[in-house]
C-alpha atoms as a PDB file:
ATOM      1  CA  UNK A   1       0.000   0.000   0.000  1.00  0.00           C
ATOM      2  CA  UNK A   2       1.333   3.425  -0.915  1.00  0.00           C
ATOM      3  CA  UNK A   3       2.581   5.592   1.936  1.00  0.00           C
ATOM      4  CA  UNK A   4       1.412   8.661  -0.016  1.00  0.00           C
ATOM      5  CA  UNK A   5      -2.085   8.355   1.398  1.00  0.00           C
ATOM      6  CA  UNK A   6      -2.087   5.905   4.301  1.00  0.00           C
ATOM      7  CA  UNK A   7      -5.511   5.019   5.706  1.00  0.00           C
ATOM      8  CA  UNK A   8      -6.647   6.013   9.173  1.00  0.00           C
ATOM      9  CA  UNK A   9      -7.220   2.327  10.003  1.00  0.00           C
ATOM     10  CA  UNK A  10      -3.965   0.351  10.191  1.00  0.00           C
ATOM     11  CA  UNK A  11      -4.394  -3.335   9.399  1.00  0.00           C
ATOM     12  CA  UNK A  12      -2.005  -5.802  10.995  1.00  0.00           C
ATOM     13  CA  UNK A  13      -0.910  -9.379  10.407  1.00  0.00           C
ATOM     14  CA  UNK A  14       0.739 -11.316  13.216  1.00  0.00           C
ATOM     15  CA  UNK A  15       3.392 -13.851  12.246  1.00  0.00           C
ATOM     16  CA  UNK A  16       3.814 -16.338  15.079  1.00  0.00           C
ATOM     17  CA  UNK A  17       1.510 -17.692  17.779  1.00  0.00           C
ATOM     18  CA  UNK A  18       3.705 -17.767  20.896  1.00  0.00           C
ATOM     19  CA  UNK A  19       3.444 -16.005  24.254  1.00  0.00           C
ATOM     20  CA  UNK A  20       4.408 -12.521  23.069  1.00  0.00           C
ATOM     21  CA  UNK A  21       1.999 -12.778  20.121  1.00  0.00           C
ATOM     22  CA  UNK A  22      -0.791 -13.587  22.596  1.00  0.00           C
ATOM     23  CA  UNK A  23       0.055 -10.427  24.525  1.00  0.00           C
ATOM     24  CA  UNK A  24       0.428  -8.173  21.484  1.00  0.00           C
ATOM     25  CA  UNK A  25      -2.839  -9.231  19.846  1.00  0.00           C
ATOM     26  CA  UNK A  26      -4.709  -8.106  22.972  1.00  0.00           C
ATOM     27  CA  UNK A  27      -2.998  -4.711  22.740  1.00  0.00           C
ATOM     28  CA  UNK A  28      -3.688  -4.216  19.032  1.00  0.00           C
ATOM     29  CA  UNK A  29      -7.372  -5.072  19.446  1.00  0.00           C
ATOM     30  CA  UNK A  30      -7.715  -2.186  21.913  1.00  0.00           C
ATOM     31  CA  UNK A  31      -5.898   0.544  19.953  1.00  0.00           C
ATOM     32  CA  UNK A  32      -8.058   3.025  18.050  1.00  0.00           C
ATOM     33  CA  UNK A  33      -8.341   2.617  14.273  1.00  0.00           C
ATOM     34  CA  UNK A  34      -6.406  -0.648  14.404  1.00  0.00           C
ATOM     35  CA  UNK A  35      -7.421  -4.056  13.096  1.00  0.00           C
ATOM     36  CA  UNK A  36      -5.741  -7.452  13.294  1.00  0.00           C
ATOM     37  CA  UNK A  37      -6.937  -9.111  10.114  1.00  0.00           C
ATOM     38  CA  UNK A  38      -4.488 -11.994   9.632  1.00  0.00           C
ATOM     39  CA  UNK A  39      -2.514 -14.572  11.577  1.00  0.00           C
ATOM     40  CA  UNK A  40       0.273 -16.640  10.045  1.00  0.00           C
ATOM     41  CA  UNK A  41       1.717 -19.811  11.548  1.00  0.00           C
ATOM     42  CA  UNK A  42       3.673 -22.885  10.495  1.00  0.00           C
ATOM     43  CA  UNK A  43       0.566 -25.085  10.512  1.00  0.00           C
ATOM     44  CA  UNK A  44      -3.100 -24.710   9.681  1.00  0.00           C
ATOM     45  CA  UNK A  45      -4.037 -26.055  13.129  1.00  0.00           C
ATOM     46  CA  UNK A  46      -1.982 -23.464  14.994  1.00  0.00           C
ATOM     47  CA  UNK A  47      -3.259 -20.585  12.846  1.00  0.00           C
ATOM     48  CA  UNK A  48      -6.859 -21.732  13.305  1.00  0.00           C
ATOM     49  CA  UNK A  49      -6.459 -22.138  17.054  1.00  0.00           C
ATOM     50  CA  UNK A  50      -4.921 -18.661  17.489  1.00  0.00           C
ATOM     51  CA  UNK A  51      -7.327 -17.021  15.048  1.00  0.00           C
ATOM     52  CA  UNK A  52     -10.427 -18.452  16.704  1.00  0.00           C
ATOM     53  CA  UNK A  53      -9.089 -17.622  20.149  1.00  0.00           C
ATOM     54  CA  UNK A  54      -8.640 -13.941  19.300  1.00  0.00           C
ATOM     55  CA  UNK A  55     -11.197 -13.406  16.550  1.00  0.00           C
ATOM     56  CA  UNK A  56      -8.774 -12.996  13.644  1.00  0.00           C
ATOM     57  CA  UNK A  57     -10.633 -13.659  10.386  1.00  0.00           C
ATOM     58  CA  UNK A  58      -7.801 -14.686   8.057  1.00  0.00           C
ATOM     59  CA  UNK A  59      -5.923 -17.722   9.328  1.00  0.00           C
ATOM     60  CA  UNK A  60      -2.933 -18.701   7.202  1.00  0.00           C
ATOM     61  CA  UNK A  61      -0.951 -21.950   7.515  1.00  0.00           C
ATOM     62  CA  UNK A  62       2.282 -20.246   6.423  1.00  0.00           C
ATOM     63  CA  UNK A  63       4.024 -17.014   7.259  1.00  0.00           C
ATOM     64  CA  UNK A  64       4.357 -16.205   3.565  1.00  0.00           C
ATOM     65  CA  UNK A  65       0.618 -16.277   2.977  1.00  0.00           C
ATOM     66  CA  UNK A  66      -0.001 -13.869   5.850  1.00  0.00           C
ATOM     67  CA  UNK A  67       2.784 -11.532   4.721  1.00  0.00           C
ATOM     68  CA  UNK A  68       1.490 -11.478   1.152  1.00  0.00           C
ATOM     69  CA  UNK A  69      -2.126 -10.664   2.065  1.00  0.00           C
ATOM     70  CA  UNK A  70      -2.784  -7.528  -0.034  1.00  0.00           C
ATOM     71  CA  UNK A  71      -4.918  -5.906   2.669  1.00  0.00           C
ATOM     72  CA  UNK A  72      -2.228  -6.039   5.379  1.00  0.00           C
ATOM     73  CA  UNK A  73      -0.344  -2.821   6.181  1.00  0.00           C
ATOM     74  CA  UNK A  74       1.982  -3.944   9.007  1.00  0.00           C
ATOM     75  CA  UNK A  75       3.479  -7.338   9.850  1.00  0.00           C
ATOM     76  CA  UNK A  76       4.330  -8.026  13.475  1.00  0.00           C
ATOM     77  CA  UNK A  77       7.167 -10.568  13.479  1.00  0.00           C
ATOM     78  CA  UNK A  78       6.800 -12.781  16.547  1.00  0.00           C
ATOM     79  CA  UNK A  79       8.189 -15.966  15.036  1.00  0.00           C
ATOM     80  CA  UNK A  80      11.009 -17.979  16.687  1.00  0.00           C
ATOM     81  CA  UNK A  81      13.925 -15.578  17.074  1.00  0.00           C
ATOM     82  CA  UNK A  82      16.297 -17.383  14.718  1.00  0.00           C
ATOM     83  CA  UNK A  83      13.731 -16.808  11.957  1.00  0.00           C
ATOM     84  CA  UNK A  84      13.401 -13.078  12.525  1.00  0.00           C
ATOM     85  CA  UNK A  85      15.710 -11.911   9.701  1.00  0.00           C
ATOM     86  CA  UNK A  86      14.139 -14.113   7.042  1.00  0.00           C
ATOM     87  CA  UNK A  87      10.601 -13.280   8.145  1.00  0.00           C
ATOM     88  CA  UNK A  88      11.362  -9.551   8.205  1.00  0.00           C
ATOM     89  CA  UNK A  89      12.715  -9.809   4.663  1.00  0.00           C
ATOM     90  CA  UNK A  90       9.653 -11.828   3.660  1.00  0.00           C
ATOM     91  CA  UNK A  91       7.365  -9.030   4.846  1.00  0.00           C
ATOM     92  CA  UNK A  92       9.515  -6.347   3.217  1.00  0.00           C
ATOM     93  CA  UNK A  93       9.515  -8.188  -0.120  1.00  0.00           C
ATOM     94  CA  UNK A  94       5.730  -8.162   0.084  1.00  0.00           C
ATOM     95  CA  UNK A  95       5.643  -4.416   0.634  1.00  0.00           C
ATOM     96  CA  UNK A  96       4.721  -4.446   4.316  1.00  0.00           C
ATOM     97  CA  UNK A  97       5.818  -2.236   7.177  1.00  0.00           C
ATOM     98  CA  UNK A  98       7.439  -4.288   9.939  1.00  0.00           C
ATOM     99  CA  UNK A  99       7.527  -4.361  13.717  1.00  0.00           C
ATOM    100  CA  UNK A 100       9.976  -7.119  14.646  1.00  0.00           C
ATOM    101  CA  UNK A 101      10.324  -8.587  18.117  1.00  0.00           C
ATOM    102  CA  UNK A 102      13.775  -8.461  19.623  1.00  0.00           C
ATOM    103  CA  UNK A 103      16.249  -9.607  18.748  1.00  0.00           C
ATOM    104  CA  UNK A 104      15.790  -8.742  15.093  1.00  0.00           C
ATOM    105  CA  UNK A 105      18.952 -10.598  14.114  1.00  0.00           C
ATOM    106  CA  UNK A 106      21.814 -12.677  15.562  1.00  0.00           C
ATOM    107  CA  UNK A 107      24.418 -10.005  14.714  1.00  0.00           C
ATOM    108  CA  UNK A 108      24.884  -6.511  13.359  1.00  0.00           C
ATOM    109  CA  UNK A 109      25.716  -7.609   9.807  1.00  0.00           C
ATOM    110  CA  UNK A 110      22.419  -9.434   9.442  1.00  0.00           C
ATOM    111  CA  UNK A 111      20.563  -6.567  11.105  1.00  0.00           C
ATOM    112  CA  UNK A 112      22.059  -4.150   8.581  1.00  0.00           C
ATOM    113  CA  UNK A 113      20.846  -6.325   5.702  1.00  0.00           C
ATOM    114  CA  UNK A 114      17.285  -6.116   7.032  1.00  0.00           C
ATOM    115  CA  UNK A 115      17.455  -2.378   7.708  1.00  0.00           C
ATOM    116  CA  UNK A 116      18.962  -1.717   4.267  1.00  0.00           C
ATOM    117  CA  UNK A 117      16.198  -3.749   2.610  1.00  0.00           C
ATOM    118  CA  UNK A 118      13.488  -1.765   4.390  1.00  0.00           C
ATOM    119  CA  UNK A 119      15.150   1.539   3.507  1.00  0.00           C
ATOM    120  CA  UNK A 120      15.560   0.548  -0.153  1.00  0.00           C
ATOM    121  CA  UNK A 121      11.880  -0.375  -0.309  1.00  0.00           C
ATOM    122  CA  UNK A 122      10.882   2.872   1.482  1.00  0.00           C
ATOM    123  CA  UNK A 123       9.089   0.854   4.158  1.00  0.00           C
ATOM    124  CA  UNK A 124       8.736   1.435   7.874  1.00  0.00           C
ATOM    125  CA  UNK A 125      10.835  -0.877  10.058  1.00  0.00           C
ATOM    126  CA  UNK A 126      10.817  -0.788  13.864  1.00  0.00           C
ATOM    127  CA  UNK A 127      12.858  -3.092  16.070  1.00  0.00           C
ATOM    128  CA  UNK A 128      10.625  -4.057  18.986  1.00  0.00           C
ATOM    129  CA  UNK A 129      12.865  -2.947  21.818  1.00  0.00           C
ATOM    130  CA  UNK A 130       9.773  -1.695  23.606  1.00  0.00           C
ATOM    131  CA  UNK A 131      11.710   0.041  26.401  1.00  0.00           C
ATOM    132  CA  UNK A 132      12.269   3.078  24.184  1.00  0.00           C
ATOM    133  CA  UNK A 133       8.581   3.893  23.997  1.00  0.00           C
ATOM    134  CA  UNK A 134       7.818   4.060  27.727  1.00  0.00           C
ATOM    135  CA  UNK A 135       7.168   7.550  29.190  1.00  0.00           C
ATOM    136  CA  UNK A 136       9.541   6.782  32.057  1.00  0.00           C
ATOM    137  CA  UNK A 137      12.410   6.414  29.573  1.00  0.00           C
ATOM    138  CA  UNK A 138      11.639   9.830  28.117  1.00  0.00           C
ATOM    139  CA  UNK A 139      11.595  11.284  31.642  1.00  0.00           C
ATOM    140  CA  UNK A 140      15.015   9.781  32.354  1.00  0.00           C
ATOM    141  CA  UNK A 141      16.502  11.630  29.399  1.00  0.00           C
ATOM    142  CA  UNK A 142      14.815  14.856  30.476  1.00  0.00           C
ATOM    143  CA  UNK A 143      16.399  14.566  33.917  1.00  0.00           C
ATOM    144  CA  UNK A 144      19.818  13.830  32.425  1.00  0.00           C
ATOM    145  CA  UNK A 145      19.639  16.773  30.006  1.00  0.00           C
ATOM    146  CA  UNK A 146      18.420  19.117  32.760  1.00  0.00           C
ATOM    147  CA  UNK A 147      21.583  18.522  34.797  1.00  0.00           C
ATOM    148  CA  UNK A 148      19.548  17.611  37.849  1.00  0.00           C
ATOM    149  CA  UNK A 149      22.088  14.959  38.866  1.00  0.00           C
ATOM    150  CA  UNK A 150      25.070  16.846  37.463  1.00  0.00           C
ATOM    151  CA  UNK A 151      27.184  15.378  34.690  1.00  0.00           C
ATOM    152  CA  UNK A 152      26.360  11.742  34.036  1.00  0.00           C
ATOM    153  CA  UNK A 153      29.537   9.654  34.109  1.00  0.00           C
ATOM    154  CA  UNK A 154      28.402   6.036  34.251  1.00  0.00           C
ATOM    155  CA  UNK A 155      25.495   3.618  34.362  1.00  0.00           C
ATOM    156  CA  UNK A 156      24.869  -0.060  34.989  1.00  0.00           C
ATOM    157  CA  UNK A 157      22.073  -2.515  34.261  1.00  0.00           C
ATOM    158  CA  UNK A 158      21.330  -6.082  35.326  1.00  0.00           C
ATOM    159  CA  UNK A 159      18.881  -8.452  33.654  1.00  0.00           C
ATOM    160  CA  UNK A 160      19.273 -11.994  34.953  1.00  0.00           C
ATOM    161  CA  UNK A 161      16.513 -14.594  35.045  1.00  0.00           C
ATOM    162  CA  UNK A 162      16.602 -18.321  35.718  1.00  0.00           C
ATOM    163  CA  UNK A 163      14.688 -19.225  32.572  1.00  0.00           C
ATOM    164  CA  UNK A 164      15.778 -20.154  29.068  1.00  0.00           C
ATOM    165  CA  UNK A 165      19.417 -21.160  29.518  1.00  0.00           C
ATOM    166  CA  UNK A 166      20.548 -23.232  26.572  1.00  0.00           C
ATOM    167  CA  UNK A 167      17.529 -22.469  24.406  1.00  0.00           C
ATOM    168  CA  UNK A 168      18.823 -19.091  23.252  1.00  0.00           C
ATOM    169  CA  UNK A 169      21.571 -16.528  23.852  1.00  0.00           C
ATOM    170  CA  UNK A 170      21.368 -14.504  27.064  1.00  0.00           C
ATOM    171  CA  UNK A 171      23.085 -11.670  25.228  1.00  0.00           C
ATOM    172  CA  UNK A 172      20.353 -11.523  22.585  1.00  0.00           C
ATOM    173  CA  UNK A 173      17.476 -12.301  24.936  1.00  0.00           C
ATOM    174  CA  UNK A 174      18.115 -10.019  27.925  1.00  0.00           C
ATOM    175  CA  UNK A 175      21.477  -8.370  27.213  1.00  0.00           C
ATOM    176  CA  UNK A 176      19.966  -6.353  24.397  1.00  0.00           C
ATOM    177  CA  UNK A 177      17.785  -4.523  26.937  1.00  0.00           C
ATOM    178  CA  UNK A 178      20.862  -3.674  28.994  1.00  0.00           C
ATOM    179  CA  UNK A 179      22.817  -2.421  25.975  1.00  0.00           C
ATOM    180  CA  UNK A 180      19.982  -0.229  24.715  1.00  0.00           C
ATOM    181  CA  UNK A 181      19.530   1.232  28.221  1.00  0.00           C
ATOM    182  CA  UNK A 182      23.202   2.204  28.454  1.00  0.00           C
ATOM    183  CA  UNK A 183      23.031   3.726  24.974  1.00  0.00           C
ATOM    184  CA  UNK A 184      19.945   5.745  25.943  1.00  0.00           C
ATOM    185  CA  UNK A 185      21.431   7.236  29.114  1.00  0.00           C
ATOM    186  CA  UNK A 186      25.113   7.625  28.145  1.00  0.00           C
ATOM    187  CA  UNK A 187      24.868   8.835  24.541  1.00  0.00           C
ATOM    188  CA  UNK A 188      22.889  11.707  23.078  1.00  0.00           C
ATOM    189  CA  UNK A 189      20.466  10.038  20.621  1.00  0.00           C
ATOM    190  CA  UNK A 190      21.187  12.802  18.087  1.00  0.00           C
ATOM    191  CA  UNK A 191      24.878  11.832  18.052  1.00  0.00           C
ATOM    192  CA  UNK A 192      24.307   8.143  17.343  1.00  0.00           C
ATOM    193  CA  UNK A 193      26.004   7.215  14.101  1.00  0.00           C
ATOM    194  CA  UNK A 194      27.857  10.537  13.909  1.00  0.00           C
ATOM    195  CA  UNK A 195      31.511  10.139  14.778  1.00  0.00           C
ATOM    196  CA  UNK A 196      33.046   7.970  17.470  1.00  0.00           C
ATOM    197  CA  UNK A 197      30.590   5.624  19.126  1.00  0.00           C
ATOM    198  CA  UNK A 198      30.788   3.394  22.196  1.00  0.00           C
ATOM    199  CA  UNK A 199      33.596   0.843  22.400  1.00  0.00           C
ATOM    200  CA  UNK A 200      33.523  -2.536  24.141  1.00  0.00           C
ATOM    201  CA  UNK A 201      36.366  -2.556  26.677  1.00  0.00           C
ATOM    202  CA  UNK A 202      35.781  -5.891  28.336  1.00  0.00           C
ATOM    203  CA  UNK A 203      33.478  -8.899  28.411  1.00  0.00           C
ATOM    204  CA  UNK A 204      33.296 -12.436  29.713  1.00  0.00           C
ATOM    205  CA  UNK A 205      30.750 -15.206  29.512  1.00  0.00           C
ATOM    206  CA  UNK A 206      29.861 -18.708  30.549  1.00  0.00           C
ATOM    207  CA  UNK A 207      28.407 -21.134  28.044  1.00  0.00           C
ATOM    208  CA  UNK A 208      25.618 -23.643  28.379  1.00  0.00           C
ATOM    209  CA  UNK A 209      26.321 -27.186  27.198  1.00  0.00           C
ATOM    210  CA  UNK A 210      24.339 -26.222  24.076  1.00  0.00           C
ATOM    211  CA  UNK A 211      27.213 -23.774  23.343  1.00  0.00           C
ATOM    212  CA  UNK A 212      24.919 -20.751  23.711  1.00  0.00           C
ATOM    213  CA  UNK A 213      25.971 -18.084  26.206  1.00  0.00           C
ATOM    214  CA  UNK A 214      23.989 -18.261  29.433  1.00  0.00           C
ATOM    215  CA  UNK A 215      25.712 -15.531  31.495  1.00  0.00           C
ATOM    216  CA  UNK A 216      27.489 -12.440  30.161  1.00  0.00           C
ATOM    217  CA  UNK A 217      29.130  -9.380  31.742  1.00  0.00           C
ATOM    218  CA  UNK A 218      30.398  -6.404  29.748  1.00  0.00           C
ATOM    219  CA  UNK A 219      32.072  -3.002  30.087  1.00  0.00           C
ATOM    220  CA  UNK A 220      31.506  -0.325  27.443  1.00  0.00           C
ATOM    221  CA  UNK A 221      33.245   3.037  27.055  1.00  0.00           C
ATOM    222  CA  UNK A 222      31.032   5.791  25.687  1.00  0.00           C
ATOM    223  CA  UNK A 223      32.082   9.188  24.316  1.00  0.00           C
ATOM    224  CA  UNK A 224      32.984  11.955  26.803  1.00  0.00           C
ATOM    225  CA  UNK A 225      34.635   9.528  29.245  1.00  0.00           C
ATOM    226  CA  UNK A 226      31.418   7.763  30.193  1.00  0.00           C
ATOM    227  CA  UNK A 227      31.427   4.123  31.238  1.00  0.00           C
ATOM    228  CA  UNK A 228      28.642   1.566  31.184  1.00  0.00           C
ATOM    229  CA  UNK A 229      28.468  -1.971  32.532  1.00  0.00           C
ATOM    230  CA  UNK A 230      25.904  -4.716  32.464  1.00  0.00           C
ATOM    231  CA  UNK A 231      25.229  -8.324  33.376  1.00  0.00           C
ATOM    232  CA  UNK A 232      22.698 -10.615  31.742  1.00  0.00           C
ATOM    233  CA  UNK A 233      21.844 -14.250  32.350  1.00  0.00           C
ATOM    234  CA  UNK A 234      19.305 -16.959  31.635  1.00  0.00           C
ATOM    235  CA  UNK A 235      20.679 -19.204  34.385  1.00  0.00           C
ATOM    236  CA  UNK A 236      20.252 -17.175  37.583  1.00  0.00           C
ATOM    237  CA  UNK A 237      18.308 -14.236  38.987  1.00  0.00           C
ATOM    238  CA  UNK A 238      19.098 -10.609  39.725  1.00  0.00           C
ATOM    239  CA  UNK A 239      16.972  -7.678  40.846  1.00  0.00           C
ATOM    240  CA  UNK A 240      16.728  -6.594  37.165  1.00  0.00           C
ATOM    241  CA  UNK A 241      17.287  -2.937  37.900  1.00  0.00           C
ATOM    242  CA  UNK A 242      19.402  -0.135  36.440  1.00  0.00           C
ATOM    243  CA  UNK A 243      21.147   2.944  37.838  1.00  0.00           C
ATOM    244  CA  UNK A 244      22.566   6.121  36.320  1.00  0.00           C
ATOM    245  CA  UNK A 245      25.395   7.876  38.180  1.00  0.00           C
ATOM    246  CA  UNK A 246      26.077  11.599  37.920  1.00  0.00           C
ATOM    247  CA  UNK A 247      28.426  14.063  39.560  1.00  0.00           C
ATOM    248  CA  UNK A 248      25.541  15.308  41.693  1.00  0.00           C
ATOM    249  CA  UNK A 249      23.336  12.270  42.254  1.00  0.00           C
ATOM    250  CA  UNK A 250      21.749   9.131  40.886  1.00  0.00           C
ATOM    251  CA  UNK A 251      18.698   7.898  38.996  1.00  0.00           C
ATOM    252  CA  UNK A 252      17.521   4.450  40.047  1.00  0.00           C
ATOM    253  CA  UNK A 253      15.200   2.385  37.872  1.00  0.00           C
ATOM    254  CA  UNK A 254      13.825  -0.611  39.787  1.00  0.00           C
ATOM    255  CA  UNK A 255      12.379  -3.853  38.423  1.00  0.00           C
ATOM    256  CA  UNK A 256      11.386  -4.068  35.652  1.00  0.00           C
ATOM    257  CA  UNK A 257      13.862  -1.523  34.297  1.00  0.00           C
ATOM    258  CA  UNK A 258      13.279  -2.552  30.656  1.00  0.00           C
ATOM    259  CA  UNK A 259       9.575  -1.625  30.853  1.00  0.00           C
ATOM    260  CA  UNK A 260       9.704   0.931  33.652  1.00  0.00           C
ATOM    261  CA  UNK A 261       6.933   2.708  35.497  1.00  0.00           C
ATOM    262  CA  UNK A 262       9.013   4.124  38.392  1.00  0.00           C
ATOM    263  CA  UNK A 263      12.246   6.063  38.757  1.00  0.00           C
ATOM    264  CA  UNK A 264      13.945   7.482  41.866  1.00  0.00           C
ATOM    265  CA  UNK A 265      16.171  10.563  41.778  1.00  0.00           C
ATOM    266  CA  UNK A 266      18.549  11.270  44.662  1.00  0.00           C
ATOM    267  CA  UNK A 267      20.843  14.311  44.782  1.00  0.00           C
ATOM    268  CA  UNK A 268      24.169  14.028  46.609  1.00  0.00           C
ATOM    269  CA  UNK A 269      26.405  16.922  47.704  1.00  0.00           C
ATOM    270  CA  UNK A 270      28.934  17.961  50.322  1.00  0.00           C
ATOM    271  CA  UNK A 271      32.074  16.328  51.657  1.00  0.00           C
ATOM    272  CA  UNK A 272      32.383  12.864  50.210  1.00  0.00           C
ATOM    273  CA  UNK A 273      28.969  13.323  48.545  1.00  0.00           C
ATOM    274  CA  UNK A 274      27.486  12.294  51.903  1.00  0.00           C
ATOM    275  CA  UNK A 275      24.617  14.771  51.989  1.00  0.00           C
ATOM    276  CA  UNK A 276      21.676  13.028  50.353  1.00  0.00           C
ATOM    277  CA  UNK A 277      18.493  14.820  49.444  1.00  0.00           C
ATOM    278  CA  UNK A 278      15.089  13.315  50.048  1.00  0.00           C
ATOM    279  CA  UNK A 279      14.597  10.992  47.071  1.00  0.00           C
ATOM    280  CA  UNK A 280      12.167  12.215  44.448  1.00  0.00           C
ATOM    281  CA  UNK A 281       9.922   9.538  43.011  1.00  0.00           C
ATOM    282  CA  UNK A 282       8.432   9.656  39.524  1.00  0.00           C
ATOM    283  CA  UNK A 283       5.671   7.167  38.806  1.00  0.00           C
ATOM    284  CA  UNK A 284       3.915   6.485  35.511  1.00  0.00           C
ATOM    285  CA  UNK A 285       0.699   4.604  34.980  1.00  0.00           C
ATOM    286  CA  UNK A 286       0.476   1.997  32.276  1.00  0.00           C
ATOM    287  CA  UNK A 287      -1.747   2.947  29.316  1.00  0.00           C
ATOM    288  CA  UNK A 288      -5.321   3.628  30.297  1.00  0.00           C
ATOM    289  CA  UNK A 289      -8.115   1.446  28.947  1.00  0.00           C
ATOM    290  CA  UNK A 290      -5.723  -1.405  28.109  1.00  0.00           C
ATOM    291  CA  UNK A 291      -6.599  -4.646  29.860  1.00  0.00           C
ATOM    292  CA  UNK A 292      -6.387  -8.368  29.394  1.00  0.00           C
ATOM    293  CA  UNK A 293      -9.221  -9.538  27.149  1.00  0.00           C
ATOM    294  CA  UNK A 294     -11.539 -12.525  27.178  1.00  0.00           C
ATOM    295  CA  UNK A 295     -11.026 -14.945  24.339  1.00  0.00           C
ATOM    296  CA  UNK A 296     -13.395 -14.725  21.382  1.00  0.00           C
ATOM    297  CA  UNK A 297     -14.268 -18.412  21.445  1.00  0.00           C
ATOM    298  CA  UNK A 298     -15.019 -18.471  25.185  1.00  0.00           C
ATOM    299  CA  UNK A 299     -15.898 -15.152  26.787  1.00  0.00           C
ATOM    300  CA  UNK A 300     -15.560 -16.650  30.267  1.00  0.00           C
ATOM    301  CA  UNK A 301     -11.844 -17.259  29.744  1.00  0.00           C
ATOM    302  CA  UNK A 302      -9.478 -14.319  30.349  1.00  0.00           C
ATOM    303  CA  UNK A 303      -5.959 -15.729  29.945  1.00  0.00           C
ATOM    304  CA  UNK A 304      -4.232 -12.483  30.949  1.00  0.00           C
ATOM    305  CA  UNK A 305      -0.807 -11.304  29.854  1.00  0.00           C
ATOM    306  CA  UNK A 306       2.298 -13.473  29.850  1.00  0.00           C
ATOM    307  CA  UNK A 307       4.877 -10.801  30.653  1.00  0.00           C
ATOM    308  CA  UNK A 308       5.250  -8.045  33.209  1.00  0.00           C
ATOM    309  CA  UNK A 309       3.817  -4.675  32.111  1.00  0.00           C
ATOM    310  CA  UNK A 310       2.699  -6.053  28.748  1.00  0.00           C
ATOM    311  CA  UNK A 311       0.099  -3.300  28.671  1.00  0.00           C
ATOM    312  CA  UNK A 312       3.081  -1.101  27.795  1.00  0.00           C
ATOM    313  CA  UNK A 313       3.314  -2.790  24.404  1.00  0.00           C
ATOM    314  CA  UNK A 314       0.622  -0.260  23.517  1.00  0.00           C
ATOM    315  CA  UNK A 315       3.254   2.512  23.511  1.00  0.00           C
ATOM    316  CA  UNK A 316       5.285   0.663  20.889  1.00  0.00           C
ATOM    317  CA  UNK A 317       2.322  -0.384  18.743  1.00  0.00           C
ATOM    318  CA  UNK A 318       0.807   3.099  18.822  1.00  0.00           C
ATOM    319  CA  UNK A 319       4.133   4.547  17.669  1.00  0.00           C
ATOM    320  CA  UNK A 320       4.221   2.111  14.753  1.00  0.00           C
ATOM    321  CA  UNK A 321       0.688   3.166  13.803  1.00  0.00           C
ATOM    322  CA  UNK A 322       1.690   6.835  13.978  1.00  0.00           C
ATOM    323  CA  UNK A 323       4.807   6.343  11.892  1.00  0.00           C
ATOM    324  CA  UNK A 324       2.908   4.328   9.283  1.00  0.00           C
ATOM    325  CA  UNK A 325       0.172   6.932   8.964  1.00  0.00           C
ATOM    326  CA  UNK A 326       2.755   9.696   8.584  1.00  0.00           C
ATOM    327  CA  UNK A 327       4.726   7.794   5.948  1.00  0.00           C
ATOM    328  CA  UNK A 328       7.889   7.462   8.065  1.00  0.00           C
ATOM    329  CA  UNK A 329      10.356   4.643   7.484  1.00  0.00           C
ATOM    330  CA  UNK A 330      11.737   4.613  11.046  1.00  0.00           C
ATOM    331  CA  UNK A 331      10.710   5.790  14.489  1.00  0.00           C
ATOM    332  CA  UNK A 332      12.600   8.762  15.923  1.00  0.00           C
ATOM    333  CA  UNK A 333      12.255   7.099  19.327  1.00  0.00           C
ATOM    334  CA  UNK A 334      14.446   4.183  18.204  1.00  0.00           C
ATOM    335  CA  UNK A 335      16.025   5.046  14.887  1.00  0.00           C
ATOM    336  CA  UNK A 336      17.755   2.658  12.518  1.00  0.00           C
ATOM    337  CA  UNK A 337      21.157   4.089  13.491  1.00  0.00           C
ATOM    338  CA  UNK A 338      20.440   3.555  17.192  1.00  0.00           C
ATOM    339  CA  UNK A 339      19.163   0.054  16.492  1.00  0.00           C
ATOM    340  CA  UNK A 340      22.230  -0.853  14.452  1.00  0.00           C
ATOM    341  CA  UNK A 341      24.576   0.508  17.119  1.00  0.00           C
ATOM    342  CA  UNK A 342      22.918  -1.648  19.786  1.00  0.00           C
ATOM    343  CA  UNK A 343      23.262  -4.675  17.533  1.00  0.00           C
ATOM    344  CA  UNK A 344      26.925  -3.790  16.923  1.00  0.00           C
ATOM    345  CA  UNK A 345      27.570  -3.623  20.666  1.00  0.00           C
ATOM    346  CA  UNK A 346      25.890  -6.981  21.239  1.00  0.00           C
ATOM    347  CA  UNK A 347      27.936  -8.537  18.425  1.00  0.00           C
ATOM    348  CA  UNK A 348      31.231  -7.097  19.678  1.00  0.00           C
ATOM    349  CA  UNK A 349      30.533  -8.139  23.267  1.00  0.00           C
ATOM    350  CA  UNK A 350      29.954 -11.683  22.069  1.00  0.00           C
ATOM    351  CA  UNK A 351      33.211 -11.672  20.115  1.00  0.00           C
ATOM    352  CA  UNK A 352      35.195 -10.140  22.980  1.00  0.00           C
ATOM    353  CA  UNK A 353      33.879 -12.680  25.477  1.00  0.00           C
ATOM    354  CA  UNK A 354      34.754 -15.538  23.134  1.00  0.00           C
ATOM    355  CA  UNK A 355      38.460 -14.609  22.930  1.00  0.00           C
END
């Protein structure tokens, strides 16, 4: 469909029927001027089951059939993560805008191929790192820019969960949230891709018997003498929080820092920075009028959401709708250059740790 005159109603196809697809379909069904008209799966049975559950009229037994539906505007790629690049390219070849679940690719080279294909086709592509679309993340940048905690010099993030070790890479599954957080707080988004970027200064990992990384730690040097560190794991737990450190105080982002609704700002002054102000709390409600829905084939069943703060997927989906309607090919809230830099950092951390 031409971006010259996009319709007010944005029509979506969902590729994949897993847990995140079950959360996202509930969000899309509650956004204004939004329709989910197609579901694509790897079997007719799975597509039928998902489609009947959520009232999706067009139920396709292949991803290709869903992506090639001429009435679809946007494809949401929620297929198994190793398929993400090929399914993104499938949607792009069929002229569709794309929202792809993280991680969009196993490395930066593959990510660049997908981004280049979308740009060449003049199609919107958004990497679903949903953190970037939360109001709390925007507030964090406002506080940093205001100088409220002085000059920011470092930040750290931890995302460790005892779930998934061996089935996928911790770096791609949870580390990507840590890397994008450090990028957001330690680098001016306007400078991303212009000049010297962040450099990986250290990394180590432990591997699962499957050979996939299950625990990774990394140190990254950012421009202007700023340092970031993170730890990610699929084999043990952490508090899954993040902190930003400035010359005059700190910003703490408690669990779940990757989809935040609270931040705490504490100013520190005096000898040894021992005079602490009363912490200032900023709290943000999740989107209003977004709730878990009953299934279409049994109104008494309300399965709920699978992931913490999944209501916040509405921020991301609404931004995709806005960008599509305005004929944009990327979101200014998470641009292609920012996306590619995060993927570069993840790739380089993996290589450094494997030395």
